[in-house]
N, C-alpha and C. Protein backbone atom coordinates (compact mmCIF):
# COMPACT_ATOMS: atom_id res chain seq x y z
N MET A 1 -2.54 -64.25 13.12
CA MET A 1 -1.94 -63.63 14.29
C MET A 1 -2.77 -62.44 14.78
N THR A 2 -3.29 -61.65 13.85
CA THR A 2 -4.01 -60.43 14.23
C THR A 2 -5.20 -60.75 15.13
N HIS A 3 -5.95 -61.80 14.77
CA HIS A 3 -7.15 -62.10 15.56
C HIS A 3 -6.79 -62.57 16.96
N LEU A 4 -5.63 -63.23 17.13
CA LEU A 4 -5.21 -63.64 18.47
C LEU A 4 -4.88 -62.43 19.34
N TRP A 5 -4.17 -61.46 18.74
CA TRP A 5 -3.85 -60.24 19.49
C TRP A 5 -5.13 -59.48 19.86
N GLU A 6 -6.07 -59.41 18.92
CA GLU A 6 -7.32 -58.70 19.18
C GLU A 6 -8.08 -59.36 20.34
N HIS A 7 -8.14 -60.68 20.29
CA HIS A 7 -8.82 -61.43 21.35
C HIS A 7 -8.13 -61.20 22.69
N PHE A 8 -6.79 -61.24 22.67
CA PHE A 8 -6.01 -61.04 23.90
C PHE A 8 -6.28 -59.66 24.50
N HIS A 9 -6.20 -58.62 23.67
CA HIS A 9 -6.37 -57.26 24.17
C HIS A 9 -7.80 -57.00 24.65
N LEU A 10 -8.77 -57.64 24.01
CA LEU A 10 -10.15 -57.51 24.47
C LEU A 10 -10.29 -58.05 25.89
N LEU A 11 -9.67 -59.22 26.13
CA LEU A 11 -9.73 -59.81 27.47
C LEU A 11 -8.96 -58.98 28.48
N LYS A 12 -7.76 -58.56 28.07
CA LYS A 12 -6.90 -57.79 28.98
C LYS A 12 -7.54 -56.46 29.36
N ASN A 13 -8.05 -55.75 28.36
CA ASN A 13 -8.66 -54.44 28.62
C ASN A 13 -9.99 -54.56 29.36
N GLY A 14 -10.60 -55.74 29.24
CA GLY A 14 -11.88 -55.94 29.90
C GLY A 14 -11.77 -56.34 31.36
N MET A 15 -10.53 -56.55 31.82
CA MET A 15 -10.34 -56.98 33.21
C MET A 15 -10.93 -55.99 34.20
N GLY A 16 -10.88 -54.69 33.85
CA GLY A 16 -11.40 -53.68 34.77
C GLY A 16 -12.90 -53.78 34.95
N ASP A 17 -13.58 -54.32 33.96
CA ASP A 17 -15.03 -54.46 34.03
C ASP A 17 -15.45 -55.83 34.54
N MET A 18 -14.45 -56.63 34.94
CA MET A 18 -14.76 -58.01 35.32
C MET A 18 -14.54 -58.25 36.81
N GLY A 19 -14.61 -57.16 37.58
CA GLY A 19 -14.35 -57.30 39.00
C GLY A 19 -15.28 -58.29 39.68
N SER A 20 -16.47 -58.42 39.14
CA SER A 20 -17.43 -59.33 39.76
C SER A 20 -17.19 -60.78 39.39
N TYR A 21 -16.31 -61.01 38.38
CA TYR A 21 -16.01 -62.37 37.96
C TYR A 21 -14.95 -62.98 38.86
N SER A 22 -15.06 -64.25 39.10
CA SER A 22 -14.07 -64.93 39.94
C SER A 22 -12.78 -65.12 39.17
N GLN A 23 -11.69 -65.36 39.90
CA GLN A 23 -10.40 -65.61 39.26
C GLN A 23 -10.46 -66.90 38.45
N ILE A 24 -11.26 -67.84 38.91
CA ILE A 24 -11.40 -69.11 38.17
C ILE A 24 -12.00 -68.85 36.80
N TYR A 25 -13.02 -68.00 36.74
CA TYR A 25 -13.66 -67.70 35.46
C TYR A 25 -12.70 -66.94 34.54
N THR A 26 -11.93 -66.03 35.15
CA THR A 26 -10.94 -65.27 34.37
C THR A 26 -9.91 -66.22 33.76
N ARG A 27 -9.45 -67.18 34.57
CA ARG A 27 -8.50 -68.17 34.07
C ARG A 27 -9.12 -69.03 32.96
N PHE A 28 -10.40 -69.30 33.12
CA PHE A 28 -11.12 -70.08 32.10
C PHE A 28 -11.10 -69.34 30.76
N LEU A 29 -11.35 -68.03 30.79
CA LEU A 29 -11.36 -67.23 29.57
C LEU A 29 -9.98 -67.24 28.89
N PHE A 30 -8.93 -67.06 29.70
CA PHE A 30 -7.58 -67.03 29.13
C PHE A 30 -7.12 -68.42 28.69
N SER A 31 -7.59 -69.45 29.37
CA SER A 31 -7.22 -70.81 28.95
C SER A 31 -7.82 -71.13 27.59
N ASN A 32 -9.00 -70.57 27.31
CA ASN A 32 -9.61 -70.74 25.99
C ASN A 32 -8.77 -70.06 24.91
N LEU A 33 -8.19 -68.91 25.27
CA LEU A 33 -7.31 -68.21 24.32
C LEU A 33 -6.05 -69.03 24.07
N VAL A 34 -5.54 -69.66 25.13
CA VAL A 34 -4.36 -70.53 24.99
C VAL A 34 -4.69 -71.70 24.06
N LYS A 35 -5.88 -72.26 24.20
CA LYS A 35 -6.29 -73.37 23.32
C LYS A 35 -6.34 -72.90 21.86
N GLU A 36 -6.86 -71.69 21.67
CA GLU A 36 -6.92 -71.12 20.31
C GLU A 36 -5.51 -70.95 19.76
N PHE A 37 -4.61 -70.49 20.61
CA PHE A 37 -3.21 -70.29 20.24
C PHE A 37 -2.57 -71.60 19.79
N PHE A 38 -2.76 -72.66 20.58
CA PHE A 38 -2.14 -73.95 20.25
C PHE A 38 -2.78 -74.58 19.01
N THR A 39 -4.06 -74.36 18.82
CA THR A 39 -4.72 -74.86 17.61
C THR A 39 -4.14 -74.18 16.38
N HIS A 40 -3.91 -72.88 16.49
CA HIS A 40 -3.33 -72.10 15.40
C HIS A 40 -1.94 -72.60 15.04
N GLN A 41 -1.19 -73.03 16.08
CA GLN A 41 0.18 -73.50 15.88
C GLN A 41 0.26 -74.99 15.54
N HIS A 42 -0.86 -75.69 15.59
CA HIS A 42 -0.90 -77.14 15.36
C HIS A 42 0.00 -77.89 16.33
N GLN A 43 0.01 -77.43 17.59
CA GLN A 43 0.82 -78.08 18.61
C GLN A 43 0.11 -79.32 19.13
N ASP A 44 0.89 -80.25 19.72
CA ASP A 44 0.27 -81.48 20.20
C ASP A 44 -0.51 -81.23 21.50
N ARG A 45 -1.38 -82.17 21.81
CA ARG A 45 -2.31 -82.01 22.94
C ARG A 45 -1.59 -81.94 24.29
N LYS A 46 -0.47 -82.64 24.41
CA LYS A 46 0.25 -82.65 25.68
C LYS A 46 0.77 -81.26 26.02
N LYS A 47 1.30 -80.56 25.02
CA LYS A 47 1.80 -79.20 25.24
C LYS A 47 0.65 -78.26 25.60
N LEU A 48 -0.49 -78.48 24.96
CA LEU A 48 -1.67 -77.67 25.25
C LEU A 48 -2.10 -77.86 26.71
N GLU A 49 -2.17 -79.11 27.15
CA GLU A 49 -2.60 -79.40 28.52
C GLU A 49 -1.64 -78.79 29.54
N THR A 50 -0.33 -78.83 29.23
CA THR A 50 0.67 -78.25 30.13
C THR A 50 0.48 -76.74 30.24
N ALA A 51 0.24 -76.09 29.11
CA ALA A 51 0.05 -74.63 29.10
C ALA A 51 -1.21 -74.23 29.86
N VAL A 52 -2.29 -74.97 29.67
CA VAL A 52 -3.55 -74.68 30.37
C VAL A 52 -3.37 -74.87 31.87
N GLN A 53 -2.64 -75.91 32.24
CA GLN A 53 -2.37 -76.16 33.66
C GLN A 53 -1.61 -75.00 34.28
N LYS A 54 -0.65 -74.45 33.53
CA LYS A 54 0.12 -73.30 34.02
C LYS A 54 -0.80 -72.10 34.28
N VAL A 55 -1.77 -71.91 33.39
CA VAL A 55 -2.71 -70.81 33.55
C VAL A 55 -3.44 -70.91 34.89
N TYR A 56 -3.88 -72.12 35.23
CA TYR A 56 -4.63 -72.32 36.48
C TYR A 56 -3.72 -72.32 37.72
N GLU A 57 -2.42 -72.53 37.52
CA GLU A 57 -1.49 -72.55 38.65
C GLU A 57 -0.95 -71.16 38.99
N MET A 58 -1.14 -70.20 38.08
CA MET A 58 -0.63 -68.85 38.32
C MET A 58 -1.29 -68.25 39.56
N GLN A 59 -0.49 -67.46 40.30
CA GLN A 59 -0.97 -66.88 41.56
C GLN A 59 -1.89 -65.68 41.36
N SER A 60 -1.71 -64.98 40.22
CA SER A 60 -2.53 -63.79 39.99
C SER A 60 -2.95 -63.71 38.53
N VAL A 61 -3.97 -62.90 38.30
CA VAL A 61 -4.46 -62.70 36.93
C VAL A 61 -3.38 -62.04 36.08
N GLN A 62 -2.60 -61.14 36.69
CA GLN A 62 -1.53 -60.45 35.95
C GLN A 62 -0.50 -61.45 35.42
N GLU A 63 -0.21 -62.48 36.21
CA GLU A 63 0.73 -63.52 35.77
C GLU A 63 0.15 -64.29 34.58
N VAL A 64 -1.15 -64.53 34.64
CA VAL A 64 -1.82 -65.22 33.53
C VAL A 64 -1.71 -64.38 32.25
N ILE A 65 -1.96 -63.08 32.38
CA ILE A 65 -1.88 -62.18 31.23
C ILE A 65 -0.47 -62.18 30.65
N SER A 66 0.54 -62.14 31.51
CA SER A 66 1.94 -62.13 31.06
C SER A 66 2.29 -63.42 30.33
N LEU A 67 1.80 -64.55 30.86
CA LEU A 67 2.07 -65.85 30.24
C LEU A 67 1.48 -65.91 28.83
N VAL A 68 0.21 -65.53 28.71
CA VAL A 68 -0.47 -65.60 27.41
C VAL A 68 0.17 -64.63 26.42
N GLU A 69 0.53 -63.45 26.90
CA GLU A 69 1.17 -62.46 26.03
C GLU A 69 2.50 -62.99 25.51
N THR A 70 3.26 -63.66 26.38
CA THR A 70 4.55 -64.24 25.98
C THR A 70 4.36 -65.34 24.95
N LEU A 71 3.34 -66.17 25.14
CA LEU A 71 3.06 -67.25 24.18
C LEU A 71 2.78 -66.69 22.78
N ILE A 72 1.96 -65.64 22.73
CA ILE A 72 1.61 -65.06 21.43
C ILE A 72 2.83 -64.39 20.79
N GLN A 73 3.64 -63.70 21.60
CA GLN A 73 4.85 -63.05 21.07
C GLN A 73 5.82 -64.09 20.51
N ASN A 74 5.99 -65.20 21.23
CA ASN A 74 6.88 -66.26 20.76
C ASN A 74 6.40 -66.85 19.44
N MET A 75 5.09 -67.01 19.34
CA MET A 75 4.52 -67.54 18.11
C MET A 75 4.78 -66.58 16.95
N GLU A 76 4.60 -65.29 17.22
CA GLU A 76 4.80 -64.27 16.19
C GLU A 76 6.25 -64.29 15.70
N GLU A 77 7.19 -64.44 16.62
CA GLU A 77 8.62 -64.48 16.27
C GLU A 77 8.94 -65.73 15.44
N ARG A 78 8.34 -66.87 15.83
CA ARG A 78 8.59 -68.11 15.08
C ARG A 78 8.03 -68.02 13.66
N LEU A 79 6.85 -67.42 13.53
CA LEU A 79 6.26 -67.26 12.21
C LEU A 79 7.11 -66.35 11.32
N ALA A 80 7.63 -65.27 11.91
CA ALA A 80 8.48 -64.34 11.16
C ALA A 80 9.76 -65.03 10.72
N ALA A 81 10.35 -65.82 11.64
CA ALA A 81 11.59 -66.54 11.32
C ALA A 81 11.33 -67.57 10.23
N SER A 82 10.16 -68.21 10.31
CA SER A 82 9.80 -69.22 9.31
C SER A 82 9.68 -68.60 7.92
N LYS A 83 9.06 -67.41 7.85
CA LYS A 83 8.91 -66.72 6.56
C LYS A 83 10.26 -66.31 6.00
N ASP A 84 11.13 -65.78 6.88
CA ASP A 84 12.47 -65.38 6.44
C ASP A 84 13.25 -66.59 5.96
N GLY A 85 13.08 -67.72 6.69
CA GLY A 85 13.78 -68.94 6.31
C GLY A 85 13.32 -69.44 4.96
N ALA A 86 12.00 -69.37 4.73
CA ALA A 86 11.45 -69.82 3.45
C ALA A 86 12.00 -68.98 2.31
N ARG A 87 12.06 -67.65 2.53
CA ARG A 87 12.59 -66.77 1.48
C ARG A 87 14.05 -67.10 1.19
N ASN A 88 14.81 -67.39 2.25
CA ASN A 88 16.22 -67.71 2.10
C ASN A 88 16.41 -69.02 1.33
N GLU A 89 15.57 -70.01 1.64
CA GLU A 89 15.68 -71.31 0.98
C GLU A 89 15.30 -71.22 -0.50
N VAL A 90 14.28 -70.43 -0.79
CA VAL A 90 13.89 -70.23 -2.19
C VAL A 90 14.98 -69.48 -2.94
N ALA A 91 15.58 -68.49 -2.28
CA ALA A 91 16.67 -67.73 -2.91
C ALA A 91 17.85 -68.64 -3.22
N GLN A 92 18.16 -69.55 -2.30
CA GLN A 92 19.24 -70.51 -2.52
C GLN A 92 18.95 -71.39 -3.73
N ALA A 93 17.72 -71.86 -3.80
CA ALA A 93 17.32 -72.73 -4.91
C ALA A 93 17.39 -71.99 -6.24
N LYS A 94 16.93 -70.74 -6.25
CA LYS A 94 16.95 -69.95 -7.48
C LYS A 94 18.40 -69.70 -7.93
N SER A 95 19.28 -69.43 -6.98
CA SER A 95 20.69 -69.21 -7.33
C SER A 95 21.29 -70.46 -7.96
N TYR A 96 20.91 -71.61 -7.41
CA TYR A 96 21.40 -72.88 -7.96
C TYR A 96 20.90 -73.07 -9.39
N ILE A 97 19.63 -72.75 -9.61
CA ILE A 97 19.04 -72.88 -10.95
C ILE A 97 19.77 -71.97 -11.94
N TYR A 98 20.03 -70.73 -11.53
CA TYR A 98 20.71 -69.78 -12.41
C TYR A 98 22.10 -70.25 -12.81
N GLU A 99 22.77 -70.95 -11.90
CA GLU A 99 24.14 -71.39 -12.15
C GLU A 99 24.22 -72.75 -12.83
N HIS A 100 23.18 -73.57 -12.67
CA HIS A 100 23.23 -74.95 -13.17
C HIS A 100 22.09 -75.29 -14.12
N TYR A 101 21.51 -74.28 -14.77
CA TYR A 101 20.34 -74.54 -15.62
C TYR A 101 20.64 -75.47 -16.79
N SER A 102 21.92 -75.59 -17.16
CA SER A 102 22.28 -76.47 -18.27
C SER A 102 22.37 -77.94 -17.84
N GLU A 103 22.26 -78.16 -16.52
CA GLU A 103 22.34 -79.52 -15.98
C GLU A 103 20.94 -80.06 -15.68
N ASP A 104 20.89 -81.32 -15.31
CA ASP A 104 19.63 -81.93 -14.92
C ASP A 104 19.29 -81.46 -13.51
N ILE A 105 18.16 -80.79 -13.35
CA ILE A 105 17.75 -80.26 -12.04
C ILE A 105 16.38 -80.83 -11.69
N SER A 106 16.27 -81.37 -10.50
CA SER A 106 14.99 -81.93 -10.06
C SER A 106 14.56 -81.29 -8.74
N VAL A 107 13.28 -81.45 -8.42
CA VAL A 107 12.76 -80.96 -7.15
C VAL A 107 13.51 -81.63 -6.00
N GLU A 108 13.78 -82.92 -6.17
CA GLU A 108 14.49 -83.67 -5.13
C GLU A 108 15.88 -83.10 -4.89
N LYS A 109 16.56 -82.75 -5.98
CA LYS A 109 17.91 -82.18 -5.87
C LYS A 109 17.88 -80.85 -5.13
N LEU A 110 16.94 -79.99 -5.49
CA LEU A 110 16.85 -78.66 -4.88
C LEU A 110 16.42 -78.75 -3.42
N SER A 111 15.46 -79.62 -3.13
CA SER A 111 14.98 -79.75 -1.75
C SER A 111 16.08 -80.31 -0.85
N GLU A 112 16.88 -81.19 -1.40
CA GLU A 112 18.02 -81.74 -0.64
C GLU A 112 19.04 -80.64 -0.36
N LEU A 113 19.20 -79.76 -1.32
CA LEU A 113 20.15 -78.65 -1.19
C LEU A 113 19.80 -77.74 -0.02
N VAL A 114 18.50 -77.52 0.20
CA VAL A 114 18.06 -76.60 1.27
C VAL A 114 17.51 -77.35 2.49
N TYR A 115 17.70 -78.67 2.52
CA TYR A 115 17.33 -79.50 3.68
C TYR A 115 15.83 -79.45 4.00
N LEU A 116 15.01 -79.57 2.95
CA LEU A 116 13.56 -79.62 3.14
C LEU A 116 13.01 -80.84 2.41
N SER A 117 11.81 -81.26 2.78
CA SER A 117 11.18 -82.35 2.05
C SER A 117 10.75 -81.82 0.68
N PRO A 118 10.72 -82.66 -0.35
CA PRO A 118 10.31 -82.20 -1.68
C PRO A 118 8.93 -81.54 -1.69
N GLY A 119 7.99 -82.11 -0.93
CA GLY A 119 6.64 -81.56 -0.90
C GLY A 119 6.59 -80.17 -0.31
N TYR A 120 7.24 -79.98 0.84
CA TYR A 120 7.22 -78.67 1.49
C TYR A 120 8.01 -77.65 0.69
N PHE A 121 9.14 -78.10 0.13
CA PHE A 121 9.93 -77.18 -0.70
C PHE A 121 9.12 -76.69 -1.90
N SER A 122 8.42 -77.61 -2.56
CA SER A 122 7.59 -77.24 -3.71
C SER A 122 6.52 -76.23 -3.31
N TYR A 123 5.96 -76.43 -2.12
CA TYR A 123 4.90 -75.53 -1.62
C TYR A 123 5.43 -74.11 -1.40
N ILE A 124 6.56 -73.98 -0.68
CA ILE A 124 7.07 -72.63 -0.39
C ILE A 124 7.63 -71.98 -1.65
N PHE A 125 8.16 -72.79 -2.58
CA PHE A 125 8.70 -72.22 -3.81
C PHE A 125 7.58 -71.59 -4.64
N LYS A 126 6.48 -72.29 -4.77
CA LYS A 126 5.36 -71.75 -5.55
C LYS A 126 4.74 -70.54 -4.85
N LYS A 127 4.66 -70.61 -3.52
CA LYS A 127 4.10 -69.50 -2.76
C LYS A 127 4.95 -68.24 -2.93
N GLU A 128 6.26 -68.43 -2.99
CA GLU A 128 7.19 -67.30 -3.08
C GLU A 128 7.31 -66.76 -4.50
N THR A 129 7.33 -67.65 -5.50
CA THR A 129 7.60 -67.23 -6.88
C THR A 129 6.35 -67.16 -7.76
N GLY A 130 5.30 -67.87 -7.37
CA GLY A 130 4.09 -67.92 -8.20
C GLY A 130 4.15 -69.00 -9.26
N ASP A 131 5.29 -69.70 -9.34
CA ASP A 131 5.46 -70.77 -10.33
C ASP A 131 5.83 -72.08 -9.64
N THR A 132 5.50 -73.19 -10.28
CA THR A 132 6.02 -74.46 -9.80
C THR A 132 7.52 -74.49 -10.08
N VAL A 133 8.23 -75.39 -9.44
CA VAL A 133 9.67 -75.50 -9.65
C VAL A 133 9.99 -75.80 -11.11
N SER A 134 9.29 -76.77 -11.67
CA SER A 134 9.57 -77.18 -13.06
C SER A 134 9.28 -76.05 -14.05
N ARG A 135 8.21 -75.30 -13.80
CA ARG A 135 7.87 -74.20 -14.70
C ARG A 135 8.90 -73.07 -14.59
N PHE A 136 9.34 -72.79 -13.37
CA PHE A 136 10.34 -71.75 -13.17
C PHE A 136 11.63 -72.10 -13.90
N ILE A 137 12.05 -73.37 -13.80
CA ILE A 137 13.27 -73.83 -14.48
C ILE A 137 13.09 -73.73 -15.99
N ARG A 138 11.94 -74.19 -16.48
CA ARG A 138 11.66 -74.15 -17.91
C ARG A 138 11.72 -72.71 -18.43
N ASN A 139 11.07 -71.80 -17.71
CA ASN A 139 11.03 -70.41 -18.15
C ASN A 139 12.42 -69.78 -18.18
N TYR A 140 13.23 -70.08 -17.17
CA TYR A 140 14.58 -69.52 -17.14
C TYR A 140 15.41 -70.07 -18.30
N ARG A 141 15.27 -71.36 -18.56
CA ARG A 141 16.00 -71.97 -19.68
C ARG A 141 15.58 -71.35 -21.01
N MET A 142 14.29 -71.08 -21.15
CA MET A 142 13.81 -70.47 -22.38
C MET A 142 14.38 -69.06 -22.57
N GLU A 143 14.49 -68.32 -21.49
CA GLU A 143 15.07 -66.97 -21.58
C GLU A 143 16.54 -67.04 -22.00
N GLN A 144 17.24 -68.04 -21.47
CA GLN A 144 18.65 -68.21 -21.86
C GLN A 144 18.75 -68.64 -23.33
N ALA A 145 17.81 -69.48 -23.76
CA ALA A 145 17.79 -69.92 -25.16
C ALA A 145 17.55 -68.73 -26.09
N LYS A 146 16.66 -67.84 -25.70
CA LYS A 146 16.39 -66.64 -26.50
C LYS A 146 17.65 -65.79 -26.66
N LYS A 147 18.40 -65.65 -25.58
CA LYS A 147 19.64 -64.86 -25.64
C LYS A 147 20.65 -65.51 -26.59
N LEU A 148 20.78 -66.83 -26.49
CA LEU A 148 21.73 -67.54 -27.34
C LEU A 148 21.32 -67.46 -28.81
N LEU A 149 20.04 -67.52 -29.07
CA LEU A 149 19.55 -67.41 -30.44
C LEU A 149 19.80 -66.01 -31.01
N SER A 150 19.65 -65.01 -30.16
CA SER A 150 19.82 -63.63 -30.62
C SER A 150 21.28 -63.20 -30.71
N ASP A 151 22.10 -63.68 -29.75
CA ASP A 151 23.45 -63.14 -29.61
C ASP A 151 24.56 -64.04 -30.14
N THR A 152 24.24 -65.27 -30.51
CA THR A 152 25.28 -66.19 -31.00
C THR A 152 24.82 -66.86 -32.29
N SER A 153 25.75 -67.57 -32.89
CA SER A 153 25.42 -68.33 -34.10
C SER A 153 25.40 -69.83 -33.80
N MET A 154 25.25 -70.16 -32.53
CA MET A 154 25.21 -71.57 -32.12
C MET A 154 24.06 -72.29 -32.82
N LYS A 155 24.28 -73.55 -33.15
CA LYS A 155 23.23 -74.35 -33.76
C LYS A 155 22.16 -74.67 -32.72
N ILE A 156 20.96 -74.96 -33.21
CA ILE A 156 19.83 -75.26 -32.33
C ILE A 156 20.15 -76.43 -31.41
N VAL A 157 20.81 -77.45 -31.96
CA VAL A 157 21.14 -78.63 -31.16
C VAL A 157 22.10 -78.27 -30.03
N GLN A 158 22.99 -77.32 -30.28
CA GLN A 158 23.93 -76.88 -29.24
C GLN A 158 23.21 -76.08 -28.16
N ILE A 159 22.31 -75.21 -28.60
CA ILE A 159 21.53 -74.40 -27.65
C ILE A 159 20.65 -75.30 -26.79
N CYS A 160 20.12 -76.33 -27.42
CA CYS A 160 19.30 -77.31 -26.71
C CYS A 160 20.08 -77.89 -25.53
N LYS A 161 21.30 -78.35 -25.79
CA LYS A 161 22.12 -78.95 -24.74
C LYS A 161 22.57 -77.90 -23.72
N GLU A 162 22.88 -76.71 -24.22
CA GLU A 162 23.37 -75.64 -23.35
C GLU A 162 22.31 -75.21 -22.33
N THR A 163 21.06 -75.37 -22.70
CA THR A 163 19.97 -74.95 -21.80
C THR A 163 19.32 -76.11 -21.05
N GLY A 164 19.99 -77.24 -21.02
CA GLY A 164 19.54 -78.34 -20.17
C GLY A 164 18.55 -79.31 -20.78
N PHE A 165 18.38 -79.27 -22.11
CA PHE A 165 17.48 -80.21 -22.77
C PHE A 165 18.29 -81.29 -23.48
N SER A 166 17.89 -82.52 -23.33
CA SER A 166 18.61 -83.63 -23.96
C SER A 166 17.99 -84.02 -25.30
N ASN A 167 16.79 -83.50 -25.56
CA ASN A 167 16.07 -83.86 -26.77
C ASN A 167 15.69 -82.60 -27.54
N VAL A 168 16.13 -82.51 -28.80
CA VAL A 168 15.89 -81.30 -29.59
C VAL A 168 14.40 -81.08 -29.85
N SER A 169 13.67 -82.14 -30.13
CA SER A 169 12.23 -82.01 -30.39
C SER A 169 11.51 -81.46 -29.17
N TYR A 170 11.89 -81.95 -28.00
CA TYR A 170 11.27 -81.49 -26.76
C TYR A 170 11.63 -80.03 -26.49
N PHE A 171 12.87 -79.68 -26.79
CA PHE A 171 13.32 -78.29 -26.63
C PHE A 171 12.49 -77.37 -27.53
N CYS A 172 12.34 -77.76 -28.80
CA CYS A 172 11.59 -76.94 -29.76
C CYS A 172 10.12 -76.82 -29.36
N LYS A 173 9.56 -77.90 -28.84
CA LYS A 173 8.17 -77.89 -28.38
C LYS A 173 7.99 -76.89 -27.24
N ASN A 174 8.91 -76.94 -26.27
CA ASN A 174 8.85 -76.02 -25.13
C ASN A 174 9.07 -74.57 -25.58
N PHE A 175 9.99 -74.39 -26.51
CA PHE A 175 10.27 -73.03 -27.00
C PHE A 175 9.05 -72.44 -27.69
N ARG A 176 8.39 -73.26 -28.51
CA ARG A 176 7.20 -72.78 -29.22
C ARG A 176 6.08 -72.44 -28.23
N GLU A 177 5.92 -73.26 -27.21
CA GLU A 177 4.90 -73.00 -26.20
C GLU A 177 5.20 -71.71 -25.44
N TYR A 178 6.48 -71.47 -25.18
CA TYR A 178 6.88 -70.30 -24.40
C TYR A 178 6.86 -69.02 -25.22
N CYS A 179 7.37 -69.10 -26.45
CA CYS A 179 7.53 -67.89 -27.28
C CYS A 179 6.48 -67.72 -28.37
N GLY A 180 5.78 -68.80 -28.70
CA GLY A 180 4.79 -68.69 -29.75
C GLY A 180 5.35 -68.83 -31.15
N CYS A 181 6.62 -69.22 -31.24
CA CYS A 181 7.24 -69.45 -32.54
C CYS A 181 8.38 -70.45 -32.36
N SER A 182 8.90 -70.95 -33.45
CA SER A 182 10.01 -71.91 -33.37
C SER A 182 11.31 -71.18 -33.09
N PRO A 183 12.35 -71.89 -32.63
CA PRO A 183 13.65 -71.26 -32.41
C PRO A 183 14.19 -70.60 -33.70
N GLU A 184 13.99 -71.27 -34.83
CA GLU A 184 14.46 -70.73 -36.11
C GLU A 184 13.77 -69.40 -36.43
N GLN A 185 12.45 -69.37 -36.23
CA GLN A 185 11.70 -68.14 -36.49
C GLN A 185 12.15 -67.01 -35.56
N TYR A 186 12.39 -67.37 -34.31
CA TYR A 186 12.83 -66.35 -33.34
C TYR A 186 14.17 -65.77 -33.76
N ARG A 187 15.07 -66.64 -34.20
CA ARG A 187 16.40 -66.18 -34.62
C ARG A 187 16.31 -65.26 -35.83
N LYS A 188 15.38 -65.54 -36.71
CA LYS A 188 15.22 -64.72 -37.91
C LYS A 188 14.45 -63.43 -37.63
N GLY A 189 14.01 -63.30 -36.38
CA GLY A 189 13.26 -62.09 -36.04
C GLY A 189 11.80 -62.20 -36.41
N GLY A 190 11.32 -63.45 -36.50
CA GLY A 190 9.94 -63.68 -36.89
C GLY A 190 8.94 -63.25 -35.84
N MET A 191 9.43 -63.07 -34.59
CA MET A 191 8.53 -62.62 -33.53
C MET A 191 9.32 -61.80 -32.52
N THR A 192 8.87 -60.61 -32.25
CA THR A 192 9.53 -59.75 -31.28
C THR A 192 9.10 -60.11 -29.87
N ASP A 193 9.79 -59.56 -28.88
CA ASP A 193 9.42 -59.81 -27.49
C ASP A 193 8.01 -59.32 -27.20
N ALA A 194 7.64 -58.18 -27.80
CA ALA A 194 6.29 -57.64 -27.58
C ALA A 194 5.24 -58.59 -28.11
N GLN A 195 5.52 -59.19 -29.28
CA GLN A 195 4.58 -60.15 -29.84
C GLN A 195 4.52 -61.40 -28.98
N THR A 196 5.68 -61.79 -28.46
CA THR A 196 5.73 -62.96 -27.59
C THR A 196 4.85 -62.76 -26.37
N GLU A 197 4.92 -61.56 -25.77
CA GLU A 197 4.11 -61.27 -24.60
C GLU A 197 2.62 -61.36 -24.94
N THR A 198 2.26 -60.93 -26.15
CA THR A 198 0.86 -60.99 -26.57
C THR A 198 0.39 -62.43 -26.68
N VAL A 199 1.26 -63.28 -27.23
CA VAL A 199 0.92 -64.70 -27.39
C VAL A 199 0.73 -65.36 -26.03
N LEU A 200 1.60 -64.99 -25.07
CA LEU A 200 1.57 -65.63 -23.76
C LEU A 200 0.49 -65.08 -22.85
N SER A 201 -0.03 -63.90 -23.15
CA SER A 201 -1.01 -63.27 -22.25
C SER A 201 -2.40 -63.86 -22.47
């Protein structure tokens, strides 16, 4: 967005030095900026042609400037809304994970929840959190498992089910990868959180 505004202001501020240029050439310069704008937005060619035609149909250069300025402002607003929407959709998905981590959760389930395609949802989720969906779920489940091991006397098989794992061996494998020790060792205090961070770093 920044480079579009810079380009726009360079053209707008340069109008005073362009008195010798024809209005046709001025429209040509701004139509190129419109093309850059539509390329940035990945808009279809028909919309681009319509916008360029409007530039050449304007009665004055000032009208052309106003049109291009409005186009860029609208784009800026759409981008801001898109970012806010992405944050909201990721927040919704995270809330669902926090409440249903003991259940089977898939990318398809979460993307359906926020009305996005699985591919796009996975993209914005990783961009927002820094983790893939599956890794984020795994990490949250492991944190819950650590709490249950520390604060309860539940058996490993019960904790396995409580944290969304159907297979004890797979649960133990994930726990060891995440914490650097087995669930039994963690419960006995075989590794502190500080040591765990060292193993994971």
